[in-house]
Amino acid sequence: MHIDSLDHLVLTVASIPATVRFYSEVLGMQVETFGQGRTALRFGDQKINLHESGREFEPRADCPTPGSGDLCFLTSVPLAEVQAHLEALAIPVLEGPVQRTGARAPILSLYLRDPDGNLIEVSNVLTPDPTADRR
């Protein structure tokens, strides 16, 4: 067995309209309707399918709960611009910018919360400084 990439994940949310508004207006994701009226948020080659709490689709997680997610998204937009965008929308930044360890490289991150209280990390990949002293 070998996993190559993530296709989609599912978030259980209290309100699909509130979630769509946040992820599209704040994070710039594209809203997609599929199947029989289901809603997804598309970004890059991935998507987040949404389940409304109490109305989840089967099969589903064993204990789906709004606000239990902790997600990290990569952006090429400089974090200073991201922070200014969040401030303009009155979205509080919980922490950051702070350096973290990403899946492929070090990252610089800002933390915020979505309408359900999920922890959202927005990050820039840090590239090594070629002029740094490597002794």
C-alpha atoms as a PDB file:
ATOM      1  CA  MET A   1       0.000   0.000   0.000  1.00  0.00           C
ATOM      2  CA  HIS A   2       1.213   3.485  -0.864  1.00  0.00           C
ATOM      3  CA  ILE A   3      -0.754   6.730  -0.502  1.00  0.00           C
ATOM      4  CA  ASP A   4       0.188   9.422  -3.042  1.00  0.00           C
ATOM      5  CA  SER A   5      -1.884  12.452  -2.056  1.00  0.00           C
ATOM      6  CA  LEU A   6      -5.037  13.771  -0.414  1.00  0.00           C
ATOM      7  CA  ASP A   7      -8.074  14.087  -2.702  1.00  0.00           C
ATOM      8  CA  HIS A   8     -10.574  15.548  -0.244  1.00  0.00           C
ATOM      9  CA  LEU A   9     -11.497  15.677   3.405  1.00  0.00           C
ATOM     10  CA  VAL A  10     -14.860  16.176   5.074  1.00  0.00           C
ATOM     11  CA  LEU A  11     -15.722  18.812   7.652  1.00  0.00           C
ATOM     12  CA  THR A  12     -18.857  18.518   9.741  1.00  0.00           C
ATOM     13  CA  VAL A  13     -20.196  22.026  10.270  1.00  0.00           C
ATOM     14  CA  ALA A  14     -23.060  23.692  12.101  1.00  0.00           C
ATOM     15  CA  SER A  15     -24.051  25.825   9.094  1.00  0.00           C
ATOM     16  CA  ILE A  16     -23.054  25.183   5.490  1.00  0.00           C
ATOM     17  CA  PRO A  17     -23.902  28.786   4.433  1.00  0.00           C
ATOM     18  CA  ALA A  18     -21.720  30.269   7.224  1.00  0.00           C
ATOM     19  CA  THR A  19     -18.882  27.892   6.364  1.00  0.00           C
ATOM     20  CA  VAL A  20     -19.143  28.644   2.632  1.00  0.00           C
ATOM     21  CA  ARG A  21     -19.085  32.381   3.342  1.00  0.00           C
ATOM     22  CA  PHE A  22     -15.949  32.100   5.511  1.00  0.00           C
ATOM     23  CA  TYR A  23     -13.949  29.770   3.275  1.00  0.00           C
ATOM     24  CA  SER A  24     -14.851  31.623   0.067  1.00  0.00           C
ATOM     25  CA  GLU A  25     -14.607  35.231   1.314  1.00  0.00           C
ATOM     26  CA  VAL A  26     -11.770  34.843   3.816  1.00  0.00           C
ATOM     27  CA  LEU A  27      -9.677  32.067   2.257  1.00  0.00           C
ATOM     28  CA  GLY A  28     -10.648  32.483  -1.409  1.00  0.00           C
ATOM     29  CA  MET A  29     -11.847  28.907  -1.970  1.00  0.00           C
ATOM     30  CA  GLN A  30     -14.267  28.093  -4.792  1.00  0.00           C
ATOM     31  CA  VAL A  31     -17.721  26.764  -3.888  1.00  0.00           C
ATOM     32  CA  GLU A  32     -18.810  23.668  -5.770  1.00  0.00           C
ATOM     33  CA  THR A  33     -22.153  21.853  -5.755  1.00  0.00           C
ATOM     34  CA  PHE A  34     -22.032  18.164  -6.630  1.00  0.00           C
ATOM     35  CA  GLY A  35     -24.106  15.004  -6.349  1.00  0.00           C
ATOM     36  CA  GLN A  36     -27.594  15.662  -5.061  1.00  0.00           C
ATOM     37  CA  GLY A  37     -27.072  19.195  -3.768  1.00  0.00           C
ATOM     38  CA  ARG A  38     -23.908  18.518  -1.762  1.00  0.00           C
ATOM     39  CA  THR A  39     -21.424  21.343  -1.165  1.00  0.00           C
ATOM     40  CA  ALA A  40     -17.639  21.362  -1.425  1.00  0.00           C
ATOM     41  CA  LEU A  41     -14.895  23.969  -1.179  1.00  0.00           C
ATOM     42  CA  ARG A  42     -12.250  23.615  -3.880  1.00  0.00           C
ATOM     43  CA  PHE A  43      -8.661  24.884  -3.694  1.00  0.00           C
ATOM     44  CA  GLY A  44      -5.834  23.723  -5.953  1.00  0.00           C
ATOM     45  CA  ASP A  45      -6.285  20.015  -6.695  1.00  0.00           C
ATOM     46  CA  GLN A  46      -8.091  19.324  -3.412  1.00  0.00           C
ATOM     47  CA  LYS A  47     -11.481  19.950  -1.899  1.00  0.00           C
ATOM     48  CA  ILE A  48     -13.305  19.952   1.402  1.00  0.00           C
ATOM     49  CA  ASN A  49     -16.719  18.278   1.341  1.00  0.00           C
ATOM     50  CA  LEU A  50     -19.169  19.710   3.860  1.00  0.00           C
ATOM     51  CA  HIS A  51     -21.583  17.769   6.031  1.00  0.00           C
ATOM     52  CA  GLU A  52     -24.102  19.656   8.131  1.00  0.00           C
ATOM     53  CA  SER A  53     -24.196  18.406  11.710  1.00  0.00           C
ATOM     54  CA  GLY A  54     -27.100  16.001  12.190  1.00  0.00           C
ATOM     55  CA  ARG A  55     -27.509  15.608   8.416  1.00  0.00           C
ATOM     56  CA  GLU A  56     -24.267  13.828   7.521  1.00  0.00           C
ATOM     57  CA  PHE A  57     -23.981  11.565   4.509  1.00  0.00           C
ATOM     58  CA  GLU A  58     -23.234   7.860   4.972  1.00  0.00           C
ATOM     59  CA  PRO A  59     -20.709   6.516   5.393  1.00  0.00           C
ATOM     60  CA  ARG A  60     -19.448   9.139   7.809  1.00  0.00           C
ATOM     61  CA  ALA A  61     -17.008   9.604  10.665  1.00  0.00           C
ATOM     62  CA  ASP A  62     -17.947   7.753  13.839  1.00  0.00           C
ATOM     63  CA  CYS A  63     -18.385  10.918  15.926  1.00  0.00           C
ATOM     64  CA  PRO A  64     -18.695  13.886  13.536  1.00  0.00           C
ATOM     65  CA  THR A  65     -18.411  17.134  15.470  1.00  0.00           C
ATOM     66  CA  PRO A  66     -18.285  20.751  14.283  1.00  0.00           C
ATOM     67  CA  GLY A  67     -15.131  22.497  15.454  1.00  0.00           C
ATOM     68  CA  SER A  68     -12.905  19.448  15.844  1.00  0.00           C
ATOM     69  CA  GLY A  69     -10.691  20.155  12.816  1.00  0.00           C
ATOM     70  CA  ASP A  70      -7.134  21.487  12.716  1.00  0.00           C
ATOM     71  CA  LEU A  71      -6.195  22.320   9.114  1.00  0.00           C
ATOM     72  CA  CYS A  72      -3.116  23.856   7.527  1.00  0.00           C
ATOM     73  CA  PHE A  73      -3.346  25.552   4.122  1.00  0.00           C
ATOM     74  CA  LEU A  74      -0.388  26.711   2.041  1.00  0.00           C
ATOM     75  CA  THR A  75      -0.497  30.016   0.179  1.00  0.00           C
ATOM     76  CA  SER A  76       1.941  31.815  -2.087  1.00  0.00           C
ATOM     77  CA  VAL A  77       0.503  35.151  -0.899  1.00  0.00           C
ATOM     78  CA  PRO A  78       2.979  36.722   1.566  1.00  0.00           C
ATOM     79  CA  LEU A  79       1.741  36.388   5.153  1.00  0.00           C
ATOM     80  CA  ALA A  80       1.880  40.170   5.643  1.00  0.00           C
ATOM     81  CA  GLU A  81      -0.761  40.469   2.899  1.00  0.00           C
ATOM     82  CA  VAL A  82      -2.781  37.620   4.427  1.00  0.00           C
ATOM     83  CA  GLN A  83      -2.653  39.337   7.811  1.00  0.00           C
ATOM     84  CA  ALA A  84      -3.793  42.669   6.289  1.00  0.00           C
ATOM     85  CA  HIS A  85      -6.668  40.855   4.523  1.00  0.00           C
ATOM     86  CA  LEU A  86      -7.739  39.210   7.797  1.00  0.00           C
ATOM     87  CA  GLU A  87      -7.561  42.534   9.643  1.00  0.00           C
ATOM     88  CA  ALA A  88      -9.717  44.194   6.955  1.00  0.00           C
ATOM     89  CA  LEU A  89     -12.330  41.470   7.480  1.00  0.00           C
ATOM     90  CA  ALA A  90     -12.058  41.729  11.304  1.00  0.00           C
ATOM     91  CA  ILE A  91     -10.863  38.113  11.541  1.00  0.00           C
ATOM     92  CA  PRO A  92      -8.651  37.781  14.629  1.00  0.00           C
ATOM     93  CA  VAL A  93      -5.250  36.143  14.282  1.00  0.00           C
ATOM     94  CA  LEU A  94      -4.700  33.841  17.253  1.00  0.00           C
ATOM     95  CA  GLU A  95      -0.969  33.470  16.759  1.00  0.00           C
ATOM     96  CA  GLY A  96       1.703  34.286  14.247  1.00  0.00           C
ATOM     97  CA  PRO A  97       3.526  34.652  12.160  1.00  0.00           C
ATOM     98  CA  VAL A  98       5.447  31.744  13.696  1.00  0.00           C
ATOM     99  CA  GLN A  99       7.774  29.184  12.145  1.00  0.00           C
ATOM    100  CA  ARG A 100       6.549  25.584  12.089  1.00  0.00           C
ATOM    101  CA  THR A 101       7.500  22.291  10.491  1.00  0.00           C
ATOM    102  CA  GLY A 102       5.492  21.541   7.348  1.00  0.00           C
ATOM    103  CA  ALA A 103       5.128  18.228   5.546  1.00  0.00           C
ATOM    104  CA  ARG A 104       7.751  19.105   2.923  1.00  0.00           C
ATOM    105  CA  ALA A 105       9.636  22.101   4.296  1.00  0.00           C
ATOM    106  CA  PRO A 106       9.672  24.664   7.104  1.00  0.00           C
ATOM    107  CA  ILE A 107       6.666  27.002   7.017  1.00  0.00           C
ATOM    108  CA  LEU A 108       5.730  30.397   8.431  1.00  0.00           C
ATOM    109  CA  SER A 109       2.175  30.362   9.790  1.00  0.00           C
ATOM    110  CA  LEU A 110      -0.754  32.435  11.003  1.00  0.00           C
ATOM    111  CA  TYR A 111      -3.525  30.827  13.066  1.00  0.00           C
ATOM    112  CA  LEU A 112      -7.222  31.733  13.067  1.00  0.00           C
ATOM    113  CA  ARG A 113     -10.583  30.036  13.619  1.00  0.00           C
ATOM    114  CA  ASP A 114     -13.442  29.339  11.233  1.00  0.00           C
ATOM    115  CA  PRO A 115     -17.119  29.825  12.253  1.00  0.00           C
ATOM    116  CA  ASP A 116     -17.218  26.382  13.937  1.00  0.00           C
ATOM    117  CA  GLY A 117     -14.024  26.954  15.913  1.00  0.00           C
ATOM    118  CA  ASN A 118     -11.824  24.746  13.724  1.00  0.00           C
ATOM    119  CA  LEU A 119      -8.191  25.818  13.961  1.00  0.00           C
ATOM    120  CA  ILE A 120      -7.035  27.151  10.598  1.00  0.00           C
ATOM    121  CA  GLU A 121      -3.332  27.597   9.853  1.00  0.00           C
ATOM    122  CA  VAL A 122      -2.394  29.647   6.770  1.00  0.00           C
ATOM    123  CA  SER A 123       1.252  29.222   5.820  1.00  0.00           C
ATOM    124  CA  ASN A 124       4.032  30.203   3.467  1.00  0.00           C
ATOM    125  CA  VAL A 125       6.677  27.618   2.618  1.00  0.00           C
ATOM    126  CA  LEU A 126      10.069  28.919   3.699  1.00  0.00           C
ATOM    127  CA  THR A 127      12.865  28.504   1.221  1.00  0.00           C
ATOM    128  CA  PRO A 128      16.431  28.151   2.447  1.00  0.00           C
ATOM    129  CA  ASP A 129      18.540  31.314   2.258  1.00  0.00           C
ATOM    130  CA  PRO A 130      21.294  30.518  -0.270  1.00  0.00           C
ATOM    131  CA  THR A 131      23.490  33.234   1.269  1.00  0.00           C
ATOM    132  CA  ALA A 132      23.253  31.799   4.789  1.00  0.00           C
ATOM    133  CA  ASP A 133      26.495  30.676   6.391  1.00  0.00           C
ATOM    134  CA  ARG A 134      26.577  26.855   6.292  1.00  0.00           C
ATOM    135  CA  ARG A 135      29.470  26.132   8.630  1.00  0.00           C
END
